Amino acid sequence: MTATLARDGRLTADHAALLDQRRQEGNQPLWAAAGEAGEPARSCVARLLRIEAELGSLPVD
């Protein structure tokens, strides 16, 4: 995310591709692992998914 902020809130094509790949993998494995780890992990996953959504809304160079 630091690299994105340094680029004035724009994703490179490579970073956008990584984000697309992560989204294709789905959230089920993340939530399953977080469920096993307990509440602190679920909160972290929720925050990470919100960050992912925000990154997905940025323009791509």
PDB file of N, CA and C in Angstrom:
ATOM      1  N   MET A   1       0.825  -1.181   0.000  1.00  0.00           N
ATOM      2  CA  MET A   1       0.000   0.000   0.000  1.00  0.00           C
ATOM      3  C   MET A   1       0.875   1.252   0.000  1.00  0.00           C
ATOM      4  N   THR A   2       2.035   1.175   0.618  1.00  0.00           N
ATOM      5  CA  THR A   2       2.942   2.318   0.649  1.00  0.00           C
ATOM      6  C   THR A   2       3.356   2.716  -0.760  1.00  0.00           C
ATOM      7  N   ALA A   3       3.630   1.736  -1.613  1.00  0.00           N
ATOM      8  CA  ALA A   3       4.014   2.037  -2.991  1.00  0.00           C
ATOM      9  C   ALA A   3       2.871   2.728  -3.728  1.00  0.00           C
ATOM     10  N   THR A   4       1.658   2.312  -3.461  1.00  0.00           N
ATOM     11  CA  THR A   4       0.502   2.920  -4.107  1.00  0.00           C
ATOM     12  C   THR A   4       0.345   4.367  -3.664  1.00  0.00           C
ATOM     13  N   LEU A   5       0.521   4.616  -2.389  1.00  0.00           N
ATOM     14  CA  LEU A   5       0.408   5.984  -1.890  1.00  0.00           C
ATOM     15  C   LEU A   5       1.514   6.859  -2.459  1.00  0.00           C
ATOM     16  N   ALA A   6       2.694   6.304  -2.622  1.00  0.00           N
ATOM     17  CA  ALA A   6       3.805   7.058  -3.202  1.00  0.00           C
ATOM     18  C   ALA A   6       3.518   7.426  -4.655  1.00  0.00           C
ATOM     19  N   ARG A   7       2.641   6.675  -5.322  1.00  0.00           N
ATOM     20  CA  ARG A   7       2.284   6.940  -6.713  1.00  0.00           C
ATOM     21  C   ARG A   7       1.006   7.771  -6.790  1.00  0.00           C
ATOM     22  N   ASP A   8       0.734   8.547  -5.779  1.00  0.00           N
ATOM     23  CA  ASP A   8      -0.460   9.402  -5.726  1.00  0.00           C
ATOM     24  C   ASP A   8      -1.758   8.603  -5.848  1.00  0.00           C
ATOM     25  N   GLY A   9      -1.806   7.451  -5.212  1.00  0.00           N
ATOM     26  CA  GLY A   9      -3.031   6.665  -5.186  1.00  0.00           C
ATOM     27  C   GLY A   9      -3.372   5.965  -6.476  1.00  0.00           C
ATOM     28  N   ARG A  10      -2.360   5.573  -7.234  1.00  0.00           N
ATOM     29  CA  ARG A  10      -2.593   4.863  -8.498  1.00  0.00           C
ATOM     30  C   ARG A  10      -1.883   3.517  -8.430  1.00  0.00           C
ATOM     31  N   LEU A  11      -2.543   2.499  -8.948  1.00  0.00           N
ATOM     32  CA  LEU A  11      -1.941   1.167  -9.012  1.00  0.00           C
ATOM     33  C   LEU A  11      -1.168   1.002 -10.314  1.00  0.00           C
ATOM     34  N   THR A  12      -0.067   0.273 -10.238  1.00  0.00           N
ATOM     35  CA  THR A  12       0.598  -0.122 -11.474  1.00  0.00           C
ATOM     36  C   THR A  12      -0.198  -1.287 -12.065  1.00  0.00           C
ATOM     37  N   ALA A  13       0.012  -1.585 -13.314  1.00  0.00           N
ATOM     38  CA  ALA A  13      -0.674  -2.716 -13.947  1.00  0.00           C
ATOM     39  C   ALA A  13      -0.318  -4.024 -13.235  1.00  0.00           C
ATOM     40  N   ASP A  14       0.939  -4.152 -12.813  1.00  0.00           N
ATOM     41  CA  ASP A  14       1.357  -5.366 -12.089  1.00  0.00           C
ATOM     42  C   ASP A  14       0.625  -5.503 -10.760  1.00  0.00           C
ATOM     43  N   HIS A  15       0.499  -4.403 -10.024  1.00  0.00           N
ATOM     44  CA  HIS A  15      -0.212  -4.457  -8.744  1.00  0.00           C
ATOM     45  C   HIS A  15      -1.694  -4.747  -8.947  1.00  0.00           C
ATOM     46  N   ALA A  16      -2.277  -4.185  -9.984  1.00  0.00           N
ATOM     47  CA  ALA A  16      -3.681  -4.467 -10.286  1.00  0.00           C
ATOM     48  C   ALA A  16      -3.870  -5.948 -10.618  1.00  0.00           C
ATOM     49  N   ALA A  17      -2.919  -6.532 -11.332  1.00  0.00           N
ATOM     50  CA  ALA A  17      -2.987  -7.965 -11.662  1.00  0.00           C
ATOM     51  C   ALA A  17      -2.895  -8.814 -10.399  1.00  0.00           C
ATOM     52  N   LEU A  18      -2.025  -8.421  -9.467  1.00  0.00           N
ATOM     53  CA  LEU A  18      -1.918  -9.153  -8.196  1.00  0.00           C
ATOM     54  C   LEU A  18      -3.227  -9.065  -7.414  1.00  0.00           C
ATOM     55  N   LEU A  19      -3.834  -7.903  -7.409  1.00  0.00           N
ATOM     56  CA  LEU A  19      -5.109  -7.724  -6.722  1.00  0.00           C
ATOM     57  C   LEU A  19      -6.191  -8.581  -7.369  1.00  0.00           C
ATOM     58  N   ASP A  20      -6.244  -8.619  -8.686  1.00  0.00           N
ATOM     59  CA  ASP A  20      -7.209  -9.472  -9.392  1.00  0.00           C
ATOM     60  C   ASP A  20      -6.999 -10.946  -9.059  1.00  0.00           C
ATOM     61  N   GLN A  21      -5.744 -11.376  -9.024  1.00  0.00           N
ATOM     62  CA  GLN A  21      -5.436 -12.765  -8.688  1.00  0.00           C
ATOM     63  C   GLN A  21      -5.909 -13.100  -7.279  1.00  0.00           C
ATOM     64  N   ARG A  22      -5.667 -12.193  -6.326  1.00  0.00           N
ATOM     65  CA  ARG A  22      -6.081 -12.411  -4.947  1.00  0.00           C
ATOM     66  C   ARG A  22      -7.605 -12.530  -4.874  1.00  0.00           C
ATOM     67  N   ARG A  23      -8.300 -11.709  -5.631  1.00  0.00           N
ATOM     68  CA  ARG A  23      -9.762 -11.755  -5.618  1.00  0.00           C
ATOM     69  C   ARG A  23     -10.289 -13.047  -6.238  1.00  0.00           C
ATOM     70  N   GLN A  24      -9.621 -13.542  -7.253  1.00  0.00           N
ATOM     71  CA  GLN A  24     -10.037 -14.799  -7.885  1.00  0.00           C
ATOM     72  C   GLN A  24      -9.887 -15.974  -6.934  1.00  0.00           C
ATOM     73  N   GLU A  25      -8.929 -15.879  -6.038  1.00  0.00           N
ATOM     74  CA  GLU A  25      -8.731 -16.956  -5.061  1.00  0.00           C
ATOM     75  C   GLU A  25      -9.879 -17.039  -4.078  1.00  0.00           C
ATOM     76  N   GLY A  26     -10.584 -15.949  -3.882  1.00  0.00           N
ATOM     77  CA  GLY A  26     -11.745 -15.932  -2.994  1.00  0.00           C
ATOM     78  C   GLY A  26     -11.385 -15.719  -1.539  1.00  0.00           C
ATOM     79  N   ASN A  27     -12.417 -15.476  -0.745  1.00  0.00           N
ATOM     80  CA  ASN A  27     -12.223 -15.156   0.661  1.00  0.00           C
ATOM     81  C   ASN A  27     -12.430 -16.341   1.590  1.00  0.00           C
ATOM     82  N   GLN A  28     -12.998 -17.420   1.106  1.00  0.00           N
ATOM     83  CA  GLN A  28     -13.311 -18.551   1.969  1.00  0.00           C
ATOM     84  C   GLN A  28     -12.088 -19.090   2.720  1.00  0.00           C
ATOM     85  N   PRO A  29     -10.946 -19.292   2.061  1.00  0.00           N
ATOM     86  CA  PRO A  29      -9.781 -19.788   2.814  1.00  0.00           C
ATOM     87  C   PRO A  29      -9.326 -18.813   3.909  1.00  0.00           C
ATOM     88  N   LEU A  30      -9.429 -17.507   3.628  1.00  0.00           N
ATOM     89  CA  LEU A  30      -9.057 -16.513   4.645  1.00  0.00           C
ATOM     90  C   LEU A  30      -9.968 -16.595   5.858  1.00  0.00           C
ATOM     91  N   TRP A  31     -11.283 -16.640   5.596  1.00  0.00           N
ATOM     92  CA  TRP A  31     -12.219 -16.693   6.712  1.00  0.00           C
ATOM     93  C   TRP A  31     -12.113 -18.007   7.471  1.00  0.00           C
ATOM     94  N   ALA A  32     -11.843 -19.098   6.781  1.00  0.00           N
ATOM     95  CA  ALA A  32     -11.693 -20.387   7.470  1.00  0.00           C
ATOM     96  C   ALA A  32     -10.496 -20.357   8.413  1.00  0.00           C
ATOM     97  N   ALA A  33      -9.367 -19.841   7.937  1.00  0.00           N
ATOM     98  CA  ALA A  33      -8.180 -19.749   8.787  1.00  0.00           C
ATOM     99  C   ALA A  33      -8.415 -18.788   9.945  1.00  0.00           C
ATOM    100  N   ALA A  34      -9.070 -17.669   9.680  1.00  0.00           N
ATOM    101  CA  ALA A  34      -9.349 -16.698  10.735  1.00  0.00           C
ATOM    102  C   ALA A  34     -10.309 -17.271  11.766  1.00  0.00           C
ATOM    103  N   GLY A  35     -11.271 -18.069  11.312  1.00  0.00           N
ATOM    104  CA  GLY A  35     -12.212 -18.691  12.230  1.00  0.00           C
ATOM    105  C   GLY A  35     -11.525 -19.619  13.202  1.00  0.00           C
ATOM    106  N   GLU A  36     -10.539 -20.330  12.717  1.00  0.00           N
ATOM    107  CA  GLU A  36      -9.779 -21.232  13.584  1.00  0.00           C
ATOM    108  C   GLU A  36      -8.905 -20.462  14.567  1.00  0.00           C
ATOM    109  N   ALA A  37      -8.435 -19.289  14.161  1.00  0.00           N
ATOM    110  CA  ALA A  37      -7.514 -18.513  14.989  1.00  0.00           C
ATOM    111  C   ALA A  37      -8.234 -17.652  16.028  1.00  0.00           C
ATOM    112  N   GLY A  38      -9.518 -17.385  15.834  1.00  0.00           N
ATOM    113  CA  GLY A  38     -10.262 -16.609  16.819  1.00  0.00           C
ATOM    114  C   GLY A  38     -10.532 -15.182  16.402  1.00  0.00           C
ATOM    115  N   GLU A  39     -11.150 -14.450  17.337  1.00  0.00           N
ATOM    116  CA  GLU A  39     -11.635 -13.100  17.052  1.00  0.00           C
ATOM    117  C   GLU A  39     -10.564 -12.128  16.582  1.00  0.00           C
ATOM    118  N   PRO A  40      -9.400 -12.051  17.181  1.00  0.00           N
ATOM    119  CA  PRO A  40      -8.417 -11.078  16.681  1.00  0.00           C
ATOM    120  C   PRO A  40      -8.087 -11.297  15.199  1.00  0.00           C
ATOM    121  N   ALA A  41      -8.002 -12.539  14.783  1.00  0.00           N
ATOM    122  CA  ALA A  41      -7.694 -12.843  13.383  1.00  0.00           C
ATOM    123  C   ALA A  41      -8.861 -12.455  12.477  1.00  0.00           C
ATOM    124  N   ARG A  42     -10.083 -12.687  12.918  1.00  0.00           N
ATOM    125  CA  ARG A  42     -11.252 -12.301  12.107  1.00  0.00           C
ATOM    126  C   ARG A  42     -11.294 -10.789  11.916  1.00  0.00           C
ATOM    127  N   SER A  43     -10.966 -10.044  12.948  1.00  0.00           N
ATOM    128  CA  SER A  43     -10.935  -8.589  12.833  1.00  0.00           C
ATOM    129  C   SER A  43      -9.873  -8.139  11.841  1.00  0.00           C
ATOM    130  N   CYS A  44      -8.720  -8.785  11.876  1.00  0.00           N
ATOM    131  CA  CYS A  44      -7.640  -8.444  10.940  1.00  0.00           C
ATOM    132  C   CYS A  44      -8.039  -8.754   9.503  1.00  0.00           C
ATOM    133  N   VAL A  45      -8.666  -9.894   9.284  1.00  0.00           N
ATOM    134  CA  VAL A  45      -9.105 -10.261   7.935  1.00  0.00           C
ATOM    135  C   VAL A  45     -10.135  -9.252   7.433  1.00  0.00           C
ATOM    136  N   ALA A  46     -11.058  -8.862   8.289  1.00  0.00           N
ATOM    137  CA  ALA A  46     -12.065  -7.876   7.884  1.00  0.00           C
ATOM    138  C   ALA A  46     -11.398  -6.569   7.467  1.00  0.00           C
ATOM    139  N   ARG A  47     -10.408  -6.124   8.232  1.00  0.00           N
ATOM    140  CA  ARG A  47      -9.698  -4.891   7.876  1.00  0.00           C
ATOM    141  C   ARG A  47      -8.949  -5.053   6.557  1.00  0.00           C
ATOM    142  N   LEU A  48      -8.292  -6.190   6.373  1.00  0.00           N
ATOM    143  CA  LEU A  48      -7.563  -6.429   5.123  1.00  0.00           C
ATOM    144  C   LEU A  48      -8.497  -6.427   3.915  1.00  0.00           C
ATOM    145  N   LEU A  49      -9.667  -6.998   4.063  1.00  0.00           N
ATOM    146  CA  LEU A  49     -10.625  -7.014   2.955  1.00  0.00           C
ATOM    147  C   LEU A  49     -11.154  -5.612   2.652  1.00  0.00           C
ATOM    148  N   ARG A  50     -11.287  -4.775   3.677  1.00  0.00           N
ATOM    149  CA  ARG A  50     -11.688  -3.380   3.426  1.00  0.00           C
ATOM    150  C   ARG A  50     -10.579  -2.641   2.678  1.00  0.00           C
ATOM    151  N   ILE A  51      -9.328  -2.896   3.058  1.00  0.00           N
ATOM    152  CA  ILE A  51      -8.199  -2.289   2.347  1.00  0.00           C
ATOM    153  C   ILE A  51      -8.178  -2.766   0.903  1.00  0.00           C
ATOM    154  N   GLU A  52      -8.407  -4.063   0.699  1.00  0.00           N
ATOM    155  CA  GLU A  52      -8.450  -4.605  -0.652  1.00  0.00           C
ATOM    156  C   GLU A  52      -9.522  -3.915  -1.489  1.00  0.00           C
ATOM    157  N   ALA A  53     -10.687  -3.696  -0.906  1.00  0.00           N
ATOM    158  CA  ALA A  53     -11.763  -3.025  -1.636  1.00  0.00           C
ATOM    159  C   ALA A  53     -11.355  -1.596  -2.009  1.00  0.00           C
ATOM    160  N   GLU A  54     -10.715  -0.900  -1.099  1.00  0.00           N
ATOM    161  CA  GLU A  54     -10.270   0.460  -1.392  1.00  0.00           C
ATOM    162  C   GLU A  54      -9.214   0.462  -2.494  1.00  0.00           C
ATOM    163  N   LEU A  55      -8.270  -0.465  -2.431  1.00  0.00           N
ATOM    164  CA  LEU A  55      -7.248  -0.545  -3.479  1.00  0.00           C
ATOM    165  C   LEU A  55      -7.878  -0.827  -4.831  1.00  0.00           C
ATOM    166  N   GLY A  56      -8.922  -1.659  -4.836  1.00  0.00           N
ATOM    167  CA  GLY A  56      -9.588  -1.990  -6.092  1.00  0.00           C
ATOM    168  C   GLY A  56     -10.304  -0.816  -6.734  1.00  0.00           C
ATOM    169  N   SER A  57     -10.560   0.211  -5.957  1.00  0.00           N
ATOM    170  CA  SER A  57     -11.253   1.371  -6.508  1.00  0.00           C
ATOM    171  C   SER A  57     -10.287   2.421  -7.080  1.00  0.00           C
ATOM    172  N   LEU A  58      -8.977   2.190  -6.926  1.00  0.00           N
ATOM    173  CA  LEU A  58      -7.984   3.151  -7.422  1.00  0.00           C
ATOM    174  C   LEU A  58      -7.765   3.007  -8.918  1.00  0.00           C
ATOM    175  N   PRO A  59      -7.406   4.092  -9.574  1.00  0.00           N
ATOM    176  CA  PRO A  59      -7.089   4.011 -11.010  1.00  0.00           C
ATOM    177  C   PRO A  59      -5.798   3.247 -11.245  1.00  0.00           C
ATOM    178  N   VAL A  60      -5.696   2.651 -12.421  1.00  0.00           N
ATOM    179  CA  VAL A  60      -4.515   1.869 -12.816  1.00  0.00           C
ATOM    180  C   VAL A  60      -3.774   2.616 -13.901  1.00  0.00           C
ATOM    181  N   ASP A  61      -2.464   2.719 -13.750  1.00  0.00           N
ATOM    182  CA  ASP A  61      -1.626   3.349 -14.782  1.00  0.00           C
ATOM    183  C   ASP A  61      -1.338   2.370 -15.885  1.00  0.00           C
TER     184      ASP A  61
END
